[in-house]
Amino acid sequence: MSLVHDHEQTIPKHAVASAAMLVLTALALTTLVKVGVLSREAVPAVVRSEAHVAPMIVRQLTFSDRADGAVVVQDVATGETVRVLVDGVPGNGFVRGVMRGMARDRHIHGIGMAPPFTLTLWKNQSLSLEDKATGRSIELGSFGPDNRAAFAAMLPGGAI
């Protein structure tokens, strides 16, 4: 009695066809956006501008490292220390992570940490962090309510 032992692994034809269709659809949609047939998804800053949404609260902030590893957040206009971000406090890790990314962009562009960042609460309740030195802007609501709140706490009176 002989047993047939086969190691050939085949992928079902319908799975290959589905994967090929998915790739072709993605390429087609990307091409249609690139050539202008389809519009890009909404860019929050553009949508706010077109809808004439004004800023409600704007705060210029600097972030500096302290010798013990904490990050000190200061209001440029008043010199007030807004927060001291230490490891292990809920929300601080998110803020520190965002600021590491912003600092990396500045380093790539040869810009130091002296220019302030602009934290803006808009009348439509969106919250953004902008680095005018590099042109980078982050919509903080995109990261969920807890992470948004970590930045909102830096507005006067924890604004929201």
C-alpha atoms as a PDB file:
ATOM      1  CA  MET A   1       0.000   0.000   0.000  1.00  0.00           C
ATOM      2  CA  SER A   2       1.542   3.318  -1.038  1.00  0.00           C
ATOM      3  CA  LEU A   3       0.453   6.667   0.279  1.00  0.00           C
ATOM      4  CA  VAL A   4       0.680   9.729  -1.883  1.00  0.00           C
ATOM      5  CA  HIS A   5       2.269  12.574  -0.027  1.00  0.00           C
ATOM      6  CA  ASP A   6       1.946  15.954  -1.724  1.00  0.00           C
ATOM      7  CA  HIS A   7       3.562  19.178  -0.473  1.00  0.00           C
ATOM      8  CA  GLU A   8       2.211  21.392  -3.210  1.00  0.00           C
ATOM      9  CA  GLN A   9       0.187  24.195  -1.734  1.00  0.00           C
ATOM     10  CA  THR A  10      -2.293  25.772  -4.042  1.00  0.00           C
ATOM     11  CA  ILE A  11      -4.164  28.965  -3.556  1.00  0.00           C
ATOM     12  CA  PRO A  12      -7.811  28.772  -4.547  1.00  0.00           C
ATOM     13  CA  LYS A  13      -8.453  30.529  -7.872  1.00  0.00           C
ATOM     14  CA  HIS A  14     -11.201  32.710  -6.430  1.00  0.00           C
ATOM     15  CA  ALA A  15      -8.789  34.035  -3.762  1.00  0.00           C
ATOM     16  CA  VAL A  16      -6.204  34.950  -6.421  1.00  0.00           C
ATOM     17  CA  ALA A  17      -8.897  36.613  -8.531  1.00  0.00           C
ATOM     18  CA  SER A  18     -10.190  38.570  -5.538  1.00  0.00           C
ATOM     19  CA  ALA A  19      -6.715  39.768  -4.603  1.00  0.00           C
ATOM     20  CA  ALA A  20      -6.002  40.802  -8.207  1.00  0.00           C
ATOM     21  CA  MET A  21      -9.308  42.693  -8.334  1.00  0.00           C
ATOM     22  CA  LEU A  22      -8.496  44.491  -5.083  1.00  0.00           C
ATOM     23  CA  VAL A  23      -5.080  45.582  -6.401  1.00  0.00           C
ATOM     24  CA  LEU A  24      -6.537  46.740  -9.733  1.00  0.00           C
ATOM     25  CA  THR A  25      -9.303  48.689  -7.968  1.00  0.00           C
ATOM     26  CA  ALA A  26      -6.778  50.433  -5.697  1.00  0.00           C
ATOM     27  CA  LEU A  27      -4.585  51.343  -8.683  1.00  0.00           C
ATOM     28  CA  ALA A  28      -7.568  52.607 -10.674  1.00  0.00           C
ATOM     29  CA  LEU A  29      -8.851  54.784  -7.812  1.00  0.00           C
ATOM     30  CA  THR A  30      -5.374  56.178  -7.138  1.00  0.00           C
ATOM     31  CA  THR A  31      -4.970  57.040 -10.817  1.00  0.00           C
ATOM     32  CA  LEU A  32      -8.393  58.718 -10.940  1.00  0.00           C
ATOM     33  CA  VAL A  33      -7.482  60.880  -7.939  1.00  0.00           C
ATOM     34  CA  LYS A  34      -4.048  61.731  -9.395  1.00  0.00           C
ATOM     35  CA  VAL A  35      -5.471  62.883 -12.757  1.00  0.00           C
ATOM     36  CA  GLY A  36      -8.237  64.871 -11.068  1.00  0.00           C
ATOM     37  CA  VAL A  37     -11.298  62.816 -12.022  1.00  0.00           C
ATOM     38  CA  LEU A  38     -12.007  62.104  -8.340  1.00  0.00           C
ATOM     39  CA  SER A  39     -11.368  64.651  -5.615  1.00  0.00           C
ATOM     40  CA  ARG A  40      -9.089  63.903  -2.686  1.00  0.00           C
ATOM     41  CA  GLU A  41     -10.687  63.249   0.648  1.00  0.00           C
ATOM     42  CA  ALA A  42     -11.305  66.347   2.702  1.00  0.00           C
ATOM     43  CA  VAL A  43      -8.288  68.103   4.141  1.00  0.00           C
ATOM     44  CA  PRO A  44      -9.453  69.613   7.465  1.00  0.00           C
ATOM     45  CA  ALA A  45      -7.572  72.903   7.064  1.00  0.00           C
ATOM     46  CA  VAL A  46      -9.042  73.393   3.582  1.00  0.00           C
ATOM     47  CA  VAL A  47     -12.552  72.488   4.746  1.00  0.00           C
ATOM     48  CA  ARG A  48     -12.278  74.970   7.643  1.00  0.00           C
ATOM     49  CA  SER A  49     -11.041  77.671   5.290  1.00  0.00           C
ATOM     50  CA  GLU A  50     -13.826  77.079   2.748  1.00  0.00           C
ATOM     51  CA  ALA A  51     -16.439  77.080   5.530  1.00  0.00           C
ATOM     52  CA  HIS A  52     -14.872  80.212   7.084  1.00  0.00           C
ATOM     53  CA  VAL A  53     -14.429  78.488  10.452  1.00  0.00           C
ATOM     54  CA  ALA A  54     -12.541  80.869  12.700  1.00  0.00           C
ATOM     55  CA  PRO A  55     -10.186  80.009  15.535  1.00  0.00           C
ATOM     56  CA  MET A  56     -11.737  80.189  18.977  1.00  0.00           C
ATOM     57  CA  ILE A  57      -8.570  79.839  21.075  1.00  0.00           C
ATOM     58  CA  VAL A  58      -4.991  80.019  19.818  1.00  0.00           C
ATOM     59  CA  ARG A  59      -1.983  79.348  21.998  1.00  0.00           C
ATOM     60  CA  GLN A  60       1.676  79.528  21.001  1.00  0.00           C
ATOM     61  CA  LEU A  61       3.660  76.860  22.827  1.00  0.00           C
ATOM     62  CA  THR A  62       7.280  75.802  23.135  1.00  0.00           C
ATOM     63  CA  PHE A  63       8.414  72.354  24.232  1.00  0.00           C
ATOM     64  CA  SER A  64      11.803  71.884  25.872  1.00  0.00           C
ATOM     65  CA  ASP A  65      13.554  68.902  27.409  1.00  0.00           C
ATOM     66  CA  ARG A  66      14.498  68.989  31.055  1.00  0.00           C
ATOM     67  CA  ALA A  67      17.582  67.225  32.466  1.00  0.00           C
ATOM     68  CA  ASP A  68      15.417  64.613  34.241  1.00  0.00           C
ATOM     69  CA  GLY A  69      13.735  63.609  30.959  1.00  0.00           C
ATOM     70  CA  ALA A  70      10.548  65.599  31.449  1.00  0.00           C
ATOM     71  CA  VAL A  71       9.276  67.945  28.746  1.00  0.00           C
ATOM     72  CA  VAL A  72       8.320  71.477  29.779  1.00  0.00           C
ATOM     73  CA  VAL A  73       5.505  73.142  27.841  1.00  0.00           C
ATOM     74  CA  GLN A  74       5.462  76.944  27.995  1.00  0.00           C
ATOM     75  CA  ASP A  75       3.100  79.615  26.699  1.00  0.00           C
ATOM     76  CA  VAL A  76       5.146  81.986  24.544  1.00  0.00           C
ATOM     77  CA  ALA A  77       2.980  85.043  25.252  1.00  0.00           C
ATOM     78  CA  THR A  78       2.990  84.774  29.048  1.00  0.00           C
ATOM     79  CA  GLY A  79       6.067  82.659  29.783  1.00  0.00           C
ATOM     80  CA  GLU A  80       3.786  80.486  31.934  1.00  0.00           C
ATOM     81  CA  THR A  81       4.657  76.817  32.319  1.00  0.00           C
ATOM     82  CA  VAL A  82       1.540  75.152  30.971  1.00  0.00           C
ATOM     83  CA  ARG A  83       2.496  71.551  31.763  1.00  0.00           C
ATOM     84  CA  VAL A  84       5.432  69.383  32.670  1.00  0.00           C
ATOM     85  CA  LEU A  85       5.192  66.086  30.820  1.00  0.00           C
ATOM     86  CA  VAL A  86       6.718  63.194  32.746  1.00  0.00           C
ATOM     87  CA  ASP A  87       6.643  59.526  31.811  1.00  0.00           C
ATOM     88  CA  GLY A  88       3.868  57.372  33.211  1.00  0.00           C
ATOM     89  CA  VAL A  89       1.120  60.002  33.317  1.00  0.00           C
ATOM     90  CA  PRO A  90      -1.877  59.180  31.076  1.00  0.00           C
ATOM     91  CA  GLY A  91      -1.851  61.335  27.935  1.00  0.00           C
ATOM     92  CA  ASN A  92       1.743  62.453  28.355  1.00  0.00           C
ATOM     93  CA  GLY A  93       3.055  59.601  26.214  1.00  0.00           C
ATOM     94  CA  PHE A  94       0.865  60.661  23.302  1.00  0.00           C
ATOM     95  CA  VAL A  95       1.919  64.310  23.552  1.00  0.00           C
ATOM     96  CA  ARG A  96       5.578  63.340  23.836  1.00  0.00           C
ATOM     97  CA  GLY A  97       5.242  61.017  20.831  1.00  0.00           C
ATOM     98  CA  VAL A  98       3.646  63.716  18.678  1.00  0.00           C
ATOM     99  CA  MET A  99       6.305  66.211  19.701  1.00  0.00           C
ATOM    100  CA  ARG A 100       9.105  63.706  18.940  1.00  0.00           C
ATOM    101  CA  GLY A 101       7.735  63.465  15.400  1.00  0.00           C
ATOM    102  CA  MET A 102       7.533  67.247  15.100  1.00  0.00           C
ATOM    103  CA  ALA A 103      11.089  67.598  16.454  1.00  0.00           C
ATOM    104  CA  ARG A 104      12.297  65.016  13.925  1.00  0.00           C
ATOM    105  CA  ASP A 105      10.773  67.099  11.094  1.00  0.00           C
ATOM    106  CA  ARG A 106      12.492  70.197  12.402  1.00  0.00           C
ATOM    107  CA  HIS A 107      15.807  68.352  12.662  1.00  0.00           C
ATOM    108  CA  ILE A 108      15.481  67.189   9.036  1.00  0.00           C
ATOM    109  CA  HIS A 109      14.834  70.798   7.972  1.00  0.00           C
ATOM    110  CA  GLY A 110      17.694  72.126  10.104  1.00  0.00           C
ATOM    111  CA  ILE A 111      15.336  73.994  12.435  1.00  0.00           C
ATOM    112  CA  GLY A 112      15.746  74.003  16.205  1.00  0.00           C
ATOM    113  CA  MET A 113      13.024  73.872  18.837  1.00  0.00           C
ATOM    114  CA  ALA A 114      12.916  77.648  19.419  1.00  0.00           C
ATOM    115  CA  PRO A 115      10.035  78.566  17.084  1.00  0.00           C
ATOM    116  CA  PRO A 116       6.695  78.003  18.815  1.00  0.00           C
ATOM    117  CA  PHE A 117       4.010  75.527  17.844  1.00  0.00           C
ATOM    118  CA  THR A 118       0.444  76.777  17.417  1.00  0.00           C
ATOM    119  CA  LEU A 119      -2.314  74.917  19.254  1.00  0.00           C
ATOM    120  CA  THR A 120      -5.721  76.005  17.929  1.00  0.00           C
ATOM    121  CA  LEU A 121      -9.241  75.211  19.034  1.00  0.00           C
ATOM    122  CA  TRP A 122     -11.563  76.059  16.155  1.00  0.00           C
ATOM    123  CA  LYS A 123     -15.187  77.168  16.418  1.00  0.00           C
ATOM    124  CA  ASN A 124     -16.264  73.804  14.957  1.00  0.00           C
ATOM    125  CA  GLN A 125     -14.512  72.185  17.977  1.00  0.00           C
ATOM    126  CA  SER A 126     -11.669  70.701  15.938  1.00  0.00           C
ATOM    127  CA  LEU A 127      -8.228  70.960  17.515  1.00  0.00           C
ATOM    128  CA  SER A 128      -5.014  71.297  15.555  1.00  0.00           C
ATOM    129  CA  LEU A 129      -1.316  71.602  16.252  1.00  0.00           C
ATOM    130  CA  GLU A 130       0.670  73.469  13.621  1.00  0.00           C
ATOM    131  CA  ASP A 131       4.374  73.942  13.150  1.00  0.00           C
ATOM    132  CA  LYS A 132       4.694  77.040  10.982  1.00  0.00           C
ATOM    133  CA  ALA A 133       8.450  76.482  10.787  1.00  0.00           C
ATOM    134  CA  THR A 134       7.999  73.253   8.780  1.00  0.00           C
ATOM    135  CA  GLY A 135       4.430  73.695   7.523  1.00  0.00           C
ATOM    136  CA  ARG A 136       3.276  70.512   9.240  1.00  0.00           C
ATOM    137  CA  SER A 137      -0.162  70.424  10.842  1.00  0.00           C
ATOM    138  CA  ILE A 138      -1.795  67.648  12.864  1.00  0.00           C
ATOM    139  CA  GLU A 139      -5.523  67.263  13.457  1.00  0.00           C
ATOM    140  CA  LEU A 140      -5.600  66.064  17.044  1.00  0.00           C
ATOM    141  CA  GLY A 141      -9.193  64.805  16.943  1.00  0.00           C
ATOM    142  CA  SER A 142      -8.019  62.055  14.591  1.00  0.00           C
ATOM    143  CA  PHE A 143      -6.394  60.224  17.493  1.00  0.00           C
ATOM    144  CA  GLY A 144      -9.476  59.754  19.663  1.00  0.00           C
ATOM    145  CA  PRO A 145     -10.984  61.730  22.532  1.00  0.00           C
ATOM    146  CA  ASP A 146      -8.423  60.807  25.203  1.00  0.00           C
ATOM    147  CA  ASN A 147      -5.441  61.833  23.073  1.00  0.00           C
ATOM    148  CA  ARG A 148      -7.236  64.983  21.922  1.00  0.00           C
ATOM    149  CA  ALA A 149      -7.913  65.829  25.569  1.00  0.00           C
ATOM    150  CA  ALA A 150      -4.194  65.553  26.362  1.00  0.00           C
ATOM    151  CA  PHE A 151      -3.559  68.523  24.067  1.00  0.00           C
ATOM    152  CA  ALA A 152      -6.801  70.331  24.918  1.00  0.00           C
ATOM    153  CA  ALA A 153      -5.620  70.442  28.535  1.00  0.00           C
ATOM    154  CA  MET A 154      -2.890  72.846  27.360  1.00  0.00           C
ATOM    155  CA  LEU A 155      -5.455  75.468  26.358  1.00  0.00           C
ATOM    156  CA  PRO A 156      -6.347  78.164  28.891  1.00  0.00           C
ATOM    157  CA  GLY A 157      -8.566  76.606  31.526  1.00  0.00           C
ATOM    158  CA  GLY A 158      -8.375  73.227  29.760  1.00  0.00           C
ATOM    159  CA  ALA A 159     -10.827  74.833  27.287  1.00  0.00           C
ATOM    160  CA  ILE A 160     -12.797  71.695  26.396  1.00  0.00           C
END
